[in-house]
Protein backbone atom coordinates (compact mmCIF):
# COMPACT_ATOMS: atom_id res chain seq x y z
CA MET A 1 0.00 0.00 0.00
CA ARG A 2 1.17 3.51 -0.84
CA TYR A 3 -0.03 6.74 0.72
CA LEU A 4 -0.66 9.94 -1.21
CA GLY A 5 -0.91 13.28 0.55
CA MET A 6 -2.26 16.27 -1.38
CA ASP A 7 -2.30 19.96 -0.56
CA VAL A 8 -4.77 21.64 -2.91
CA PRO A 9 -4.29 25.33 -3.73
CA ALA A 10 -6.40 26.85 -6.49
CA LYS A 11 -3.95 26.60 -9.38
CA SER A 12 -1.84 23.52 -8.73
CA THR A 13 -1.92 20.60 -6.30
CA VAL A 14 1.24 19.65 -4.40
CA TRP A 15 1.46 15.91 -3.71
CA CYS A 16 3.73 13.50 -1.89
CA LEU A 17 3.72 9.68 -2.16
CA LEU A 18 5.06 7.46 0.64
CA ASP A 19 5.60 3.71 0.69
CA ALA A 20 4.54 1.32 3.44
CA GLN A 21 7.72 2.13 5.44
CA GLY A 22 7.06 5.88 5.34
CA GLU A 23 9.81 6.66 2.82
CA VAL A 24 9.19 9.27 0.12
CA VAL A 25 8.68 7.53 -3.22
CA SER A 26 7.98 10.62 -5.29
CA GLU A 27 6.55 14.10 -5.01
CA GLY A 28 5.56 16.88 -7.33
CA ARG A 29 2.94 19.33 -8.48
CA THR A 30 0.02 18.95 -10.88
CA PRO A 31 -2.73 21.31 -12.10
CA THR A 32 -5.85 21.34 -9.95
CA THR A 33 -8.18 20.02 -12.63
CA ALA A 34 -10.20 16.82 -12.74
CA PRO A 35 -8.33 15.30 -15.73
CA ALA A 36 -4.90 16.08 -14.26
CA LEU A 37 -5.77 14.67 -10.83
CA ALA A 38 -7.26 11.51 -12.31
CA ALA A 39 -4.19 11.00 -14.49
CA LEU A 40 -1.94 11.50 -11.46
CA VAL A 41 -3.53 8.80 -9.29
CA ARG A 42 -3.60 6.35 -12.21
CA GLU A 43 0.08 6.97 -12.80
CA LEU A 44 1.05 6.51 -9.15
CA GLY A 45 -0.47 3.08 -8.77
CA PRO A 46 -3.32 0.75 -9.69
CA ALA A 47 -6.71 1.10 -8.05
CA GLY A 48 -6.70 -0.23 -4.51
CA GLU A 49 -2.96 0.13 -3.95
CA VAL A 50 -2.95 3.85 -3.13
CA LEU A 51 -4.75 5.61 -0.25
CA ALA A 52 -5.03 9.36 -0.74
CA GLY A 53 -5.74 12.18 1.69
CA GLN A 54 -6.48 15.90 1.47
CA GLU A 55 -7.38 18.87 3.62
CA VAL A 56 -10.95 20.13 3.52
CA GLY A 57 -11.28 23.29 1.45
CA THR A 58 -13.23 24.96 -1.33
CA LEU A 59 -12.00 22.40 -3.87
CA THR A 60 -12.84 19.33 -1.79
CA TYR A 61 -15.65 18.18 -4.08
CA LEU A 62 -13.56 18.60 -7.23
CA VAL A 63 -10.64 16.58 -5.88
CA TYR A 64 -12.87 13.93 -4.31
CA ASP A 65 -14.81 13.31 -7.51
CA ALA A 66 -11.69 13.16 -9.69
CA VAL A 67 -9.67 10.86 -7.41
CA THR A 68 -12.44 8.44 -6.47
CA ALA A 69 -13.61 8.19 -10.09
CA ALA A 70 -10.10 6.92 -10.90
CA GLY A 71 -10.55 4.11 -8.37
CA THR A 72 -8.45 5.54 -5.52
CA PRO A 73 -10.05 5.99 -2.07
CA LEU A 74 -9.69 9.51 -0.71
CA LEU A 75 -9.99 10.66 2.90
CA SER A 76 -10.68 14.32 3.68
CA PHE A 77 -9.51 15.92 6.93
CA ASN A 78 -9.85 19.13 8.87
CA ALA A 79 -6.31 20.49 8.90
CA GLN A 80 -6.78 21.84 12.43
CA GLN A 81 -7.28 18.28 13.65
CA LEU A 82 -4.24 16.85 11.90
CA ARG A 83 -1.76 17.29 14.72
CA MET A 84 1.25 16.80 12.49
CA ILE A 85 0.23 19.83 10.41
CA ALA A 86 -1.24 21.96 13.21
CA ALA A 87 1.92 21.56 15.31
CA SER A 88 4.24 22.42 12.42
CA ARG A 89 5.88 25.80 12.88
CA LYS A 90 6.59 26.23 9.19
CA LYS A 91 3.57 25.68 6.95
CA THR A 92 4.26 25.11 3.27
CA ASP A 93 2.31 23.23 0.63
CA ARG A 94 5.08 20.67 0.29
CA ARG A 95 5.29 20.01 4.03
CA ALA A 96 1.49 19.80 4.32
CA ALA A 97 1.34 17.18 1.55
CA TYR A 98 4.08 15.17 3.25
CA TRP A 99 2.43 15.25 6.68
CA ILE A 100 -0.93 14.21 5.25
CA ALA A 101 0.72 11.21 3.60
CA LYS A 102 2.64 10.49 6.81
CA ALA A 103 -0.57 10.57 8.86
CA LEU A 104 -2.14 8.05 6.47
CA GLN A 105 0.91 5.80 6.62
CA ALA A 106 1.11 5.90 10.42
CA GLY A 107 -2.65 5.67 10.91
CA MET A 108 -2.52 8.78 13.10
CA TYR A 109 -5.33 10.80 11.61
CA PRO A 110 -8.69 12.08 12.97
CA GLN A 111 -12.14 11.02 11.85
CA PRO A 112 -12.38 11.82 8.13
CA VAL A 113 -14.92 14.39 6.99
CA TYR A 114 -17.96 12.93 5.26
CA VAL A 115 -18.14 14.15 1.66
CA PRO A 116 -21.72 14.03 0.33
CA THR A 117 -22.57 13.01 -3.20
CA GLY A 118 -25.58 13.00 -5.48
CA ALA A 119 -28.86 14.50 -4.29
CA ILE A 120 -27.50 15.38 -0.84
CA ARG A 121 -24.75 17.52 -2.36
CA GLU A 122 -27.23 19.16 -4.73
CA LEU A 123 -29.57 19.91 -1.84
CA ARG A 124 -26.80 21.53 0.17
CA ALA A 125 -25.75 23.63 -2.82
CA LEU A 126 -29.31 24.89 -3.26
CA LEU A 127 -29.63 25.73 0.43
CA SER A 128 -26.31 27.58 0.34
CA GLN A 129 -27.42 29.60 -2.70
CA ARG A 130 -30.69 30.39 -0.97
CA ARG A 131 -28.87 31.73 2.09
CA VAL A 132 -26.76 34.00 -0.15
CA LEU A 133 -29.83 35.32 -1.96
CA HIS A 134 -31.66 35.91 1.31
CA THR A 135 -28.66 37.86 2.61
CA ASP A 136 -28.70 40.01 -0.56
CA TYR A 137 -32.44 40.53 -0.15
CA ASN A 138 -32.01 41.86 3.39
CA ARG A 139 -29.03 43.96 2.39
CA TRP A 140 -31.00 45.85 -0.28
CA ARG A 141 -33.90 46.34 2.11
CA TYR A 142 -31.58 47.91 4.68
CA ARG A 143 -30.02 50.06 1.98
CA ALA A 144 -33.43 51.27 0.80
CA ARG A 145 -34.41 52.24 4.34
CA ALA A 146 -31.14 54.14 4.71
CA TYR A 147 -31.76 56.05 1.46
CA LEU A 148 -35.30 56.93 2.52
CA ARG A 149 -34.21 58.02 6.00
CA ALA A 150 -31.35 60.16 4.63
CA GLY A 151 -33.69 61.80 2.12
CA GLY A 152 -36.25 62.68 4.77
CA TYR A 153 -38.80 60.05 3.79
CA PRO A 154 -38.53 57.39 6.50
CA ALA A 155 -40.55 54.25 5.85
CA ALA A 156 -42.75 52.67 8.50
CA PRO A 157 -41.58 49.38 10.03
CA GLY A 158 -42.39 46.21 8.12
CA ALA A 159 -41.70 44.80 4.70
CA THR A 160 -45.10 45.85 3.33
CA ALA A 161 -44.54 49.52 4.18
CA LEU A 162 -41.06 49.44 2.66
CA ARG A 163 -42.33 47.80 -0.51
CA ALA A 164 -45.00 50.47 -0.81
CA ALA A 165 -42.40 53.20 -0.36
CA LEU A 166 -40.33 51.71 -3.16
CA THR A 167 -43.25 51.58 -5.59
CA PRO A 168 -42.76 54.11 -8.42
CA GLY A 169 -45.09 57.09 -8.11
CA ASN A 170 -45.70 56.56 -4.40
CA ALA A 171 -47.21 59.67 -2.81
CA ALA A 172 -44.89 59.36 0.18
CA THR A 173 -41.84 60.03 -1.98
CA CYS A 174 -43.49 62.46 -4.38
CA GLY A 175 -41.15 65.36 -5.10
CA ALA A 176 -38.01 63.46 -4.10
CA PRO A 177 -34.87 64.34 -6.05
CA ALA A 178 -33.87 62.21 -9.03
CA SER A 179 -30.84 60.82 -7.19
CA LEU A 180 -33.11 59.35 -4.50
CA THR A 181 -35.72 57.98 -6.89
CA ASN A 182 -33.00 56.33 -8.98
CA ALA A 183 -31.45 54.78 -5.86
CA LEU A 184 -34.84 53.52 -4.71
CA ALA A 185 -35.56 52.04 -8.14
CA LEU A 186 -32.26 50.18 -8.00
CA CYS A 187 -33.08 48.85 -4.53
CA GLN A 188 -36.51 47.73 -5.70
CA ARG A 189 -35.05 45.79 -8.65
CA GLN A 190 -32.32 44.16 -6.60
CA GLU A 191 -34.58 43.35 -3.65
CA GLY A 192 -37.21 41.83 -5.91
CA GLY A 193 -34.66 39.76 -7.83
CA ALA A 194 -33.04 38.40 -4.67
CA ALA A 195 -36.38 37.57 -3.10
CA GLY A 196 -37.57 35.75 -6.23
CA GLY A 197 -34.32 33.79 -6.49
CA ALA A 198 -34.49 32.76 -2.84
CA ARG A 199 -38.06 31.52 -3.23
CA ALA A 200 -37.17 29.57 -6.38
CA ASP A 201 -34.16 27.95 -4.70
CA GLY A 202 -36.30 27.09 -1.70
CA ARG A 203 -38.81 25.32 -3.93
CA ARG A 204 -36.05 23.44 -5.77
CA ALA A 205 -34.45 22.42 -2.47
CA ALA A 206 -37.75 21.11 -1.15
CA GLY A 207 -38.30 19.18 -4.37
CA ALA A 208 -34.80 17.71 -4.32
CA HIS A 209 -35.30 16.54 -0.74
CA ALA A 210 -38.70 15.04 -1.47
CA ASN A 211 -37.58 13.29 -4.66
CA GLY A 212 -34.24 11.83 -3.72
CA GLY A 213 -32.65 13.13 -0.54
CA ALA A 214 -33.47 10.16 1.67
CA ASP A 215 -32.63 7.56 -0.98
CA GLN A 216 -29.30 9.19 -1.72
CA ALA A 217 -28.50 9.36 1.98
CA ALA A 218 -28.92 5.60 2.17
CA ASP A 219 -26.64 5.15 -0.84
CA ASP A 220 -23.99 7.40 0.64
CA GLY A 221 -24.06 5.49 3.92
CA ALA A 222 -26.80 6.25 6.38
CA GLY A 223 -25.60 7.53 9.68
CA HIS A 224 -22.67 9.65 8.51
CA ARG A 225 -22.49 12.88 10.36
CA ALA A 226 -21.21 15.58 8.04
CA THR A 227 -18.83 17.64 10.08
CA ASP A 228 -15.42 19.13 9.45
CA GLY A 229 -14.57 19.48 13.14
CA ARG A 230 -15.41 23.16 13.34
CA HIS A 231 -18.74 23.54 11.59
CA ASP A 232 -21.67 21.16 11.72
CA LEU A 233 -22.57 20.53 8.09
CA ARG A 234 -25.79 18.65 8.82
CA LEU A 235 -28.89 19.86 7.02
CA PRO A 236 -31.36 22.17 8.77
CA ARG A 237 -34.06 20.24 10.63
CA ARG A 238 -36.83 21.21 8.25
CA CYS A 239 -34.83 19.90 5.27
CA ALA A 240 -33.01 17.00 6.93
CA PRO A 241 -33.47 13.57 5.35
CA SER A 242 -35.18 10.79 7.20
CA TRP A 243 -31.98 9.03 8.28
CA LYS A 244 -30.40 9.76 11.66
CA ALA A 245 -26.75 10.21 12.57
CA ARG A 246 -25.10 7.40 14.42
């Protein structure tokens, strides 16, 4: 068995391969793309003879899909829980790749992070997009209230009153300067677009959960608790699938 440690920056992945005795067999750098990563693991050894590891990051899904599709198992870790990396005084990509491979070879690594696939991953992506759109929706509402207050046309509390104040031709803002009316029109367009996108994503997320979330959870291994050690990545209760964590 060989052990492959990978540190995954955006442009290129630094990797280190150790043998069963913990000696460095080879190391290098490869582009962080699915074809390049798949070609790398195929070149380093046949399927089943290499165990790979990586730190959790923004490219976790990309690396996981590429490596596992090539037949190589991949474990993902929270770098803060890998003592060999966390205790290192000098952090470089090369050293991180080596210590990940060393942790795999020595068996001294924490509980791997569960990486979702299929419908569960799609559901989480939709929920994440919905949170972003909802944040944008609130941001434009706050901005509209600030414009109205600064212009001397404060809106009453509540979303309905604010929406009425943003309506073109509203008597409450009649006679307002062009700069204010233009700013309010922009807020109305942005607020309406964000609200509509959030509602659409919410409906798609509910449909994805109803149509395949529970079945995919069973395929991915019921009982996995998706956590990276710092943040609980479980789904919100209202959208959680029917399986329970162990």
